[in-house]
C-alpha atoms as a PDB file:
ATOM      1  CA  MET A   1      15.698   3.489   9.261  1.00  0.00           C
ATOM      2  CA  PRO A   2      18.709   0.493   9.218  1.00  0.00           C
ATOM      3  CA  SER A   3      17.722  -3.240   7.014  1.00  0.00           C
ATOM      4  CA  GLN A   4      18.135  -6.387   8.837  1.00  0.00           C
ATOM      5  CA  HIS A   5      17.506  -9.630   8.186  1.00  0.00           C
ATOM      6  CA  PRO A   6      14.750 -11.242  10.237  1.00  0.00           C
ATOM      7  CA  GLU A   7      17.640 -14.605  10.825  1.00  0.00           C
ATOM      8  CA  GLU A   8      19.532 -12.065  12.802  1.00  0.00           C
ATOM      9  CA  ILE A   9      16.625 -11.850  15.082  1.00  0.00           C
ATOM     10  CA  GLY A  10      15.234 -15.119  14.919  1.00  0.00           C
ATOM     11  CA  TYR A  11      12.845 -15.374  12.502  1.00  0.00           C
ATOM     12  CA  GLY A  12      14.702 -16.277   9.666  1.00  0.00           C
ATOM     13  CA  TYR A  13      11.673 -18.545   8.379  1.00  0.00           C
ATOM     14  CA  VAL A  14       8.710 -15.504   8.316  1.00  0.00           C
ATOM     15  CA  ILE A  15      10.326 -15.019   4.139  1.00  0.00           C
ATOM     16  CA  GLU A  16       9.788 -18.556   2.991  1.00  0.00           C
ATOM     17  CA  ARG A  17       6.064 -18.700   5.198  1.00  0.00           C
ATOM     18  CA  TYR A  18       4.497 -14.810   4.473  1.00  0.00           C
ATOM     19  CA  ALA A  19       6.921 -13.210   1.115  1.00  0.00           C
ATOM     20  CA  THR A  20       7.897 -15.989  -1.511  1.00  0.00           C
ATOM     21  CA  ARG A  21       5.189 -18.474  -0.266  1.00  0.00           C
ATOM     22  CA  LYS A  22       3.482 -19.856  -3.215  1.00  0.00           C
ATOM     23  CA  ASP A  23      -0.313 -20.333  -3.627  1.00  0.00           C
ATOM     24  CA  SER A  24      -0.365 -19.600  -7.001  1.00  0.00           C
ATOM     25  CA  GLY A  25       2.822 -21.085  -8.886  1.00  0.00           C
ATOM     26  CA  HIS A  26       4.528 -17.212  -8.014  1.00  0.00           C
ATOM     27  CA  ALA A  27       5.734 -15.825  -4.722  1.00  0.00           C
ATOM     28  CA  ARG A  28       3.040 -14.152  -2.977  1.00  0.00           C
ATOM     29  CA  TYR A  29       4.592 -11.273  -2.917  1.00  0.00           C
ATOM     30  CA  LEU A  30       5.145 -11.005  -6.776  1.00  0.00           C
ATOM     31  CA  VAL A  31       0.841 -11.863  -6.834  1.00  0.00           C
ATOM     32  CA  LEU A  32       0.721  -8.645  -4.689  1.00  0.00           C
ATOM     33  CA  LYS A  33       2.787  -6.370  -6.578  1.00  0.00           C
ATOM     34  CA  SER A  34       1.597  -6.659  -9.615  1.00  0.00           C
ATOM     35  CA  GLY A  35      -2.239  -6.754  -8.535  1.00  0.00           C
ATOM     36  CA  ARG A  36      -3.060  -9.752 -10.674  1.00  0.00           C
ATOM     37  CA  PHE A  37      -5.494 -10.636  -7.924  1.00  0.00           C
ATOM     38  CA  LEU A  38      -7.464  -8.164  -8.514  1.00  0.00           C
ATOM     39  CA  ARG A  39      -8.769  -9.398 -12.360  1.00  0.00           C
ATOM     40  CA  PRO A  40     -11.684 -11.441 -12.401  1.00  0.00           C
ATOM     41  CA  GLU A  41     -10.382 -13.897 -14.351  1.00  0.00           C
ATOM     42  CA  TRP A  42      -6.811 -14.945 -12.914  1.00  0.00           C
ATOM     43  CA  PRO A  43      -8.053 -18.786 -11.934  1.00  0.00           C
ATOM     44  CA  HIS A  44      -6.089 -18.821  -8.651  1.00  0.00           C
ATOM     45  CA  ALA A  45      -7.455 -15.894  -6.456  1.00  0.00           C
ATOM     46  CA  GLU A  46      -9.747 -17.230  -4.218  1.00  0.00           C
ATOM     47  CA  ARG A  47      -6.879 -19.728  -3.008  1.00  0.00           C
ATOM     48  CA  PHE A  48      -4.723 -16.468  -2.953  1.00  0.00           C
ATOM     49  CA  ALA A  49      -7.314 -14.816  -0.891  1.00  0.00           C
ATOM     50  CA  HIS A  50      -7.971 -17.674   1.703  1.00  0.00           C
ATOM     51  CA  HIS A  51      -3.983 -17.905   2.602  1.00  0.00           C
ATOM     52  CA  LEU A  52      -3.598 -13.991   2.778  1.00  0.00           C
ATOM     53  CA  ILE A  53      -6.832 -13.668   4.845  1.00  0.00           C
ATOM     54  CA  ASP A  54      -5.404 -17.132   6.947  1.00  0.00           C
ATOM     55  CA  ASP A  55      -1.750 -15.075   7.561  1.00  0.00           C
ATOM     56  CA  SER A  56      -3.490 -11.559   7.969  1.00  0.00           C
ATOM     57  CA  ALA A  57      -5.211 -13.391  11.485  1.00  0.00           C
ATOM     58  CA  THR A  58      -2.283 -15.871  12.551  1.00  0.00           C
ATOM     59  CA  ILE A  59       0.634 -13.883  12.147  1.00  0.00           C
ATOM     60  CA  THR A  60       2.483 -12.573  14.997  1.00  0.00           C
ATOM     61  CA  ASP A  61       3.509  -8.880  15.832  1.00  0.00           C
ATOM     62  CA  ALA A  62       7.129 -10.146  16.052  1.00  0.00           C
ATOM     63  CA  GLU A  63       6.549 -11.639  12.841  1.00  0.00           C
ATOM     64  CA  LEU A  64       5.713  -8.720  10.701  1.00  0.00           C
ATOM     65  CA  GLU A  65       8.297  -6.567  13.020  1.00  0.00           C
ATOM     66  CA  ALA A  66      10.681  -8.837  11.623  1.00  0.00           C
ATOM     67  CA  LEU A  67       9.051  -8.639   7.594  1.00  0.00           C
ATOM     68  CA  LEU A  68       8.873  -4.126   8.014  1.00  0.00           C
ATOM     69  CA  GLY A  69      12.944  -4.476   9.454  1.00  0.00           C
ATOM     70  CA  TYR A  70      14.306  -6.207   6.349  1.00  0.00           C
ATOM     71  CA  GLU A  71      13.758  -5.080   2.234  1.00  0.00           C
ATOM     72  CA  TRP A  72      11.024  -3.840   0.165  1.00  0.00           C
ATOM     73  CA  ARG A  73       9.244  -7.480  -0.783  1.00  0.00           C
ATOM     74  CA  SER A  74       9.091  -8.728   2.869  1.00  0.00           C
ATOM     75  CA  ARG A  75       7.687  -5.166   3.275  1.00  0.00           C
ATOM     76  CA  LEU A  76       5.412  -5.162   0.873  1.00  0.00           C
ATOM     77  CA  THR A  77       3.538  -8.295   2.060  1.00  0.00           C
ATOM     78  CA  ALA A  78       3.680  -7.427   5.541  1.00  0.00           C
ATOM     79  CA  ALA A  79       2.190  -4.048   5.199  1.00  0.00           C
ATOM     80  CA  TRP A  80      -1.021  -5.980   2.995  1.00  0.00           C
ATOM     81  CA  LEU A  81      -1.040  -8.386   5.599  1.00  0.00           C
ATOM     82  CA  ILE A  82      -1.812  -5.389   8.098  1.00  0.00           C
ATOM     83  CA  GLY A  83      -4.107  -3.315   5.626  1.00  0.00           C
ATOM     84  CA  VAL A  84      -6.565  -7.006   5.237  1.00  0.00           C
ATOM     85  CA  GLY A  85      -5.740  -8.053   9.289  1.00  0.00           C
ATOM     86  CA  ARG A  86      -6.470  -4.198   9.705  1.00  0.00           C
ATOM     87  CA  ARG A  87      -3.915  -4.064  12.735  1.00  0.00           C
ATOM     88  CA  ALA A  88      -4.054  -0.425  13.261  1.00  0.00           C
ATOM     89  CA  THR A  89      -1.656  -0.449  15.898  1.00  0.00           C
ATOM     90  CA  PHE A  90       1.208  -0.353  12.871  1.00  0.00           C
ATOM     91  CA  ARG A  91      -0.422   3.065  12.121  1.00  0.00           C
ATOM     92  CA  GLU A  92       2.866   4.796  13.687  1.00  0.00           C
ATOM     93  CA  ARG A  93       5.388   2.220  11.717  1.00  0.00           C
ATOM     94  CA  ILE A  94       3.746   1.667   8.773  1.00  0.00           C
ATOM     95  CA  GLY A  95       3.633   5.831   8.925  1.00  0.00           C
ATOM     96  CA  ASP A  96       7.329   6.081   9.799  1.00  0.00           C
ATOM     97  CA  LEU A  97       8.197   3.847   6.933  1.00  0.00           C
ATOM     98  CA  LEU A  98       6.058   5.471   4.093  1.00  0.00           C
ATOM     99  CA  LEU A  99       7.569   9.326   4.945  1.00  0.00           C
ATOM    100  CA  ALA A 100      11.158   7.571   4.427  1.00  0.00           C
ATOM    101  CA  SER A 101      10.511   5.885   0.883  1.00  0.00           C
ATOM    102  CA  GLU A 102      13.865   3.252   1.592  1.00  0.00           C
ATOM    103  CA  PHE A 103      12.857   1.090  -1.313  1.00  0.00           C
ATOM    104  CA  CYS A 104      11.293   0.894  -4.126  1.00  0.00           C
ATOM    105  CA  PHE A 105       7.685  -0.708  -4.700  1.00  0.00           C
ATOM    106  CA  SER A 106       6.482  -1.023  -0.627  1.00  0.00           C
ATOM    107  CA  GLY A 107       5.195   2.393  -0.423  1.00  0.00           C
ATOM    108  CA  SER A 108       2.108   1.386  -1.975  1.00  0.00           C
ATOM    109  CA  ALA A 109       1.680  -1.260   0.361  1.00  0.00           C
ATOM    110  CA  TYR A 110       1.995   1.365   2.818  1.00  0.00           C
ATOM    111  CA  CYS A 111      -0.924   3.284   1.384  1.00  0.00           C
ATOM    112  CA  PHE A 112      -3.253   0.595   0.524  1.00  0.00           C
ATOM    113  CA  ALA A 113      -2.789   0.050   4.471  1.00  0.00           C
ATOM    114  CA  LEU A 114      -3.268   3.522   5.821  1.00  0.00           C
ATOM    115  CA  ALA A 115      -6.570   3.080   3.550  1.00  0.00           C
ATOM    116  CA  ARG A 116      -7.615   0.357   5.754  1.00  0.00           C
ATOM    117  CA  PHE A 117      -7.595   1.494   8.572  1.00  0.00           C
ATOM    118  CA  GLY A 118      -9.742   4.528   8.017  1.00  0.00           C
ATOM    119  CA  THR A 119      -8.859   7.162  10.145  1.00  0.00           C
ATOM    120  CA  HIS A 120      -8.338  10.969  10.475  1.00  0.00           C
ATOM    121  CA  ALA A 121      -4.986   9.789  12.081  1.00  0.00           C
ATOM    122  CA  ASP A 122      -4.582   8.142   8.099  1.00  0.00           C
ATOM    123  CA  ALA A 123      -5.372  11.288   6.593  1.00  0.00           C
ATOM    124  CA  GLU A 124      -2.792  12.964   8.354  1.00  0.00           C
ATOM    125  CA  ILE A 125       0.087  10.461   7.596  1.00  0.00           C
ATOM    126  CA  LEU A 126      -0.743  10.600   3.928  1.00  0.00           C
ATOM    127  CA  THR A 127      -1.657  14.358   3.614  1.00  0.00           C
ATOM    128  CA  ALA A 128       1.981  14.717   5.178  1.00  0.00           C
ATOM    129  CA  TYR A 129       3.378  12.801   2.640  1.00  0.00           C
ATOM    130  CA  LEU A 130       2.016  14.351  -0.039  1.00  0.00           C
ATOM    131  CA  ASP A 131       2.933  17.749   1.292  1.00  0.00           C
ATOM    132  CA  HIS A 132       6.453  16.694   1.485  1.00  0.00           C
ATOM    133  CA  TYR A 133       7.007  14.591  -2.300  1.00  0.00           C
ATOM    134  CA  LEU A 134       4.190  16.380  -4.826  1.00  0.00           C
ATOM    135  CA  PRO A 135       6.745  19.377  -4.905  1.00  0.00           C
ATOM    136  CA  ARG A 136       9.298  16.870  -5.491  1.00  0.00           C
ATOM    137  CA  ALA A 137       8.726  16.535  -9.306  1.00  0.00           C
ATOM    138  CA  ASP A 138      12.018  14.826 -10.051  1.00  0.00           C
ATOM    139  CA  LEU A 139      10.859  12.103  -7.698  1.00  0.00           C
ATOM    140  CA  ARG A 140       8.788   9.067  -8.511  1.00  0.00           C
ATOM    141  CA  TYR A 141       8.030   7.277  -5.493  1.00  0.00           C
ATOM    142  CA  ASP A 142       4.100   6.830  -4.105  1.00  0.00           C
ATOM    143  CA  GLN A 143       2.512   9.843  -5.131  1.00  0.00           C
ATOM    144  CA  PRO A 144      -0.429   7.964  -6.813  1.00  0.00           C
ATOM    145  CA  ALA A 145      -1.028   5.339  -4.356  1.00  0.00           C
ATOM    146  CA  ALA A 146      -1.041   8.085  -1.095  1.00  0.00           C
ATOM    147  CA  LEU A 147      -3.258  10.423  -3.254  1.00  0.00           C
ATOM    148  CA  GLY A 148      -5.478   7.606  -3.979  1.00  0.00           C
ATOM    149  CA  ALA A 149      -5.775   6.631  -0.675  1.00  0.00           C
ATOM    150  CA  LEU A 150      -6.386  10.199   0.685  1.00  0.00           C
ATOM    151  CA  LEU A 151      -9.518  10.068  -2.084  1.00  0.00           C
ATOM    152  CA  ARG A 152     -10.884   7.576  -0.410  1.00  0.00           C
ATOM    153  CA  LEU A 153     -10.264   8.142   3.322  1.00  0.00           C
ATOM    154  CA  ASP A 154     -11.839  12.296   1.885  1.00  0.00           C
ATOM    155  CA  ALA A 155     -14.651  10.187   0.579  1.00  0.00           C
ATOM    156  CA  HIS A 156     -15.240   7.915   3.543  1.00  0.00           C
ATOM    157  CA  LEU A 157     -14.680  10.593   7.043  1.00  0.00           C
ATOM    158  CA  GLY A 158     -16.380  13.483   4.918  1.00  0.00           C
ATOM    159  CA  THR A 159     -13.163  15.485   4.289  1.00  0.00           C
ATOM    160  CA  HIS A 160     -11.197  17.383   2.208  1.00  0.00           C
ATOM    161  CA  HIS A 161      -7.435  16.987   2.752  1.00  0.00           C
ATOM    162  CA  ALA A 162      -7.097  16.142  -0.900  1.00  0.00           C
ATOM    163  CA  ASP A 163      -8.617  19.448  -2.016  1.00  0.00           C
ATOM    164  CA  ARG A 164      -5.781  21.131  -2.440  1.00  0.00           C
ATOM    165  CA  PHE A 165      -3.666  19.281  -4.213  1.00  0.00           C
ATOM    166  CA  THR A 166      -6.328  18.341  -6.537  1.00  0.00           C
ATOM    167  CA  GLN A 167      -7.030  21.536  -7.697  1.00  0.00           C
ATOM    168  CA  PRO A 168      -6.553  22.852 -11.489  1.00  0.00           C
ATOM    169  CA  ASP A 169      -2.729  23.779 -11.428  1.00  0.00           C
ATOM    170  CA  GLY A 170      -2.476  22.251  -8.289  1.00  0.00           C
ATOM    171  CA  LEU A 171       0.605  20.040  -6.741  1.00  0.00           C
ATOM    172  CA  TRP A 172      -0.692  16.599  -7.971  1.00  0.00           C
ATOM    173  CA  ASP A 173      -1.107  18.641 -11.556  1.00  0.00           C
ATOM    174  CA  GLN A 174       2.095  19.997 -11.633  1.00  0.00           C
ATOM    175  CA  TRP A 175       3.910  16.461 -10.607  1.00  0.00           C
ATOM    176  CA  VAL A 176       2.328  14.394 -13.393  1.00  0.00           C
ATOM    177  CA  ASN A 177       3.141  17.471 -15.666  1.00  0.00           C
ATOM    178  CA  ALA A 178       6.818  17.219 -15.309  1.00  0.00           C
ATOM    179  CA  LEU A 179       7.034  14.408 -17.471  1.00  0.00           C
ATOM    180  CA  ALA A 180       5.444  14.789 -21.053  1.00  0.00           C
ATOM    181  CA  HIS A 181       4.073  10.963 -20.997  1.00  0.00           C
ATOM    182  CA  LEU A 182       1.859  11.146 -18.350  1.00  0.00           C
ATOM    183  CA  ARG A 183       0.338  14.058 -18.740  1.00  0.00           C
ATOM    184  CA  ASP A 184      -3.513  13.604 -20.110  1.00  0.00           C
ATOM    185  CA  HIS A 185      -2.578   9.934 -19.653  1.00  0.00           C
ATOM    186  CA  PRO A 186      -6.204   8.413 -18.182  1.00  0.00           C
ATOM    187  CA  ALA A 187      -4.027   6.712 -14.980  1.00  0.00           C
ATOM    188  CA  TYR A 188      -2.947  10.102 -13.449  1.00  0.00           C
ATOM    189  CA  THR A 189      -6.335  11.118 -12.851  1.00  0.00           C
ATOM    190  CA  PRO A 190      -8.053  11.889  -9.392  1.00  0.00           C
ATOM    191  CA  VAL A 191     -10.796   9.870 -10.197  1.00  0.00           C
ATOM    192  CA  GLU A 192      -8.438   6.706 -11.334  1.00  0.00           C
ATOM    193  CA  ARG A 193      -5.946   7.079  -9.058  1.00  0.00           C
ATOM    194  CA  ARG A 194      -9.406   6.650  -5.490  1.00  0.00           C
ATOM    195  CA  ARG A 195     -10.642   4.164  -8.283  1.00  0.00           C
ATOM    196  CA  SER A 196      -7.445   1.902  -7.993  1.00  0.00           C
ATOM    197  CA  THR A 197      -7.606   2.245  -4.289  1.00  0.00           C
ATOM    198  CA  ASP A 198     -11.273   1.590  -3.997  1.00  0.00           C
ATOM    199  CA  LEU A 199     -10.670  -1.252  -5.821  1.00  0.00           C
ATOM    200  CA  GLN A 200      -8.097  -2.379  -3.633  1.00  0.00           C
ATOM    201  CA  CYS A 201     -10.354  -2.321  -0.268  1.00  0.00           C
ATOM    202  CA  GLU A 202     -13.340  -3.335  -1.759  1.00  0.00           C
ATOM    203  CA  PHE A 203     -11.256  -5.999  -2.744  1.00  0.00           C
ATOM    204  CA  ALA A 204      -9.771  -6.636   0.389  1.00  0.00           C
ATOM    205  CA  ASN A 205     -13.572  -6.244   2.014  1.00  0.00           C
ATOM    206  CA  GLY A 206     -14.498  -9.173  -0.313  1.00  0.00           C
ATOM    207  CA  TRP A 207     -11.731 -11.270   0.801  1.00  0.00           C
ATOM    208  CA  ARG A 208     -13.924 -12.112   4.026  1.00  0.00           C
ATOM    209  CA  ARG A 209     -17.223 -12.922   2.733  1.00  0.00           C
ATOM    210  CA  LEU A 210     -15.218 -16.424   0.580  1.00  0.00           C
END
């Protein structure tokens, strides 16, 4: 998927308005990437949340497409706005970007959006991603985020898509154990991966009540 600067299609303003805007002294994409907004002690959480909610409701589909068509910072931001706003019309687009895995960092935001959509179609996209990328133990892409999102969807939908990945000595264990420093690391257990996605989605739900 070729990358295109929003300026080329008449949307040059979307980078500053949505991706690099500073509601907390830091560019929005950096805050989203770091996850600092999930920390209760972060003093800018409410202000950051209010602006993100507002933008998720008012950004147009064309502006989202302009962001998704560019580089990782804009794609990460767009995916979060799509997820917070539950813009399910972008499901196929998000799925294509996740499977293509063209840029670093943005993939976890795609997984968040799919988890927020919350349907069987989203579980199928995440399953396809894990089928493709878990056997590639040499690739450290967004496998943890995808598994966490799939585990959350399984719990929500009453399905068991993740079971074959997380069974002992299954694809997940093989992927984790391919790097010695990840073996037995608590952050890479399936329970912790789901907890991470749950925290993102529950916080997103909480924003709606601010």
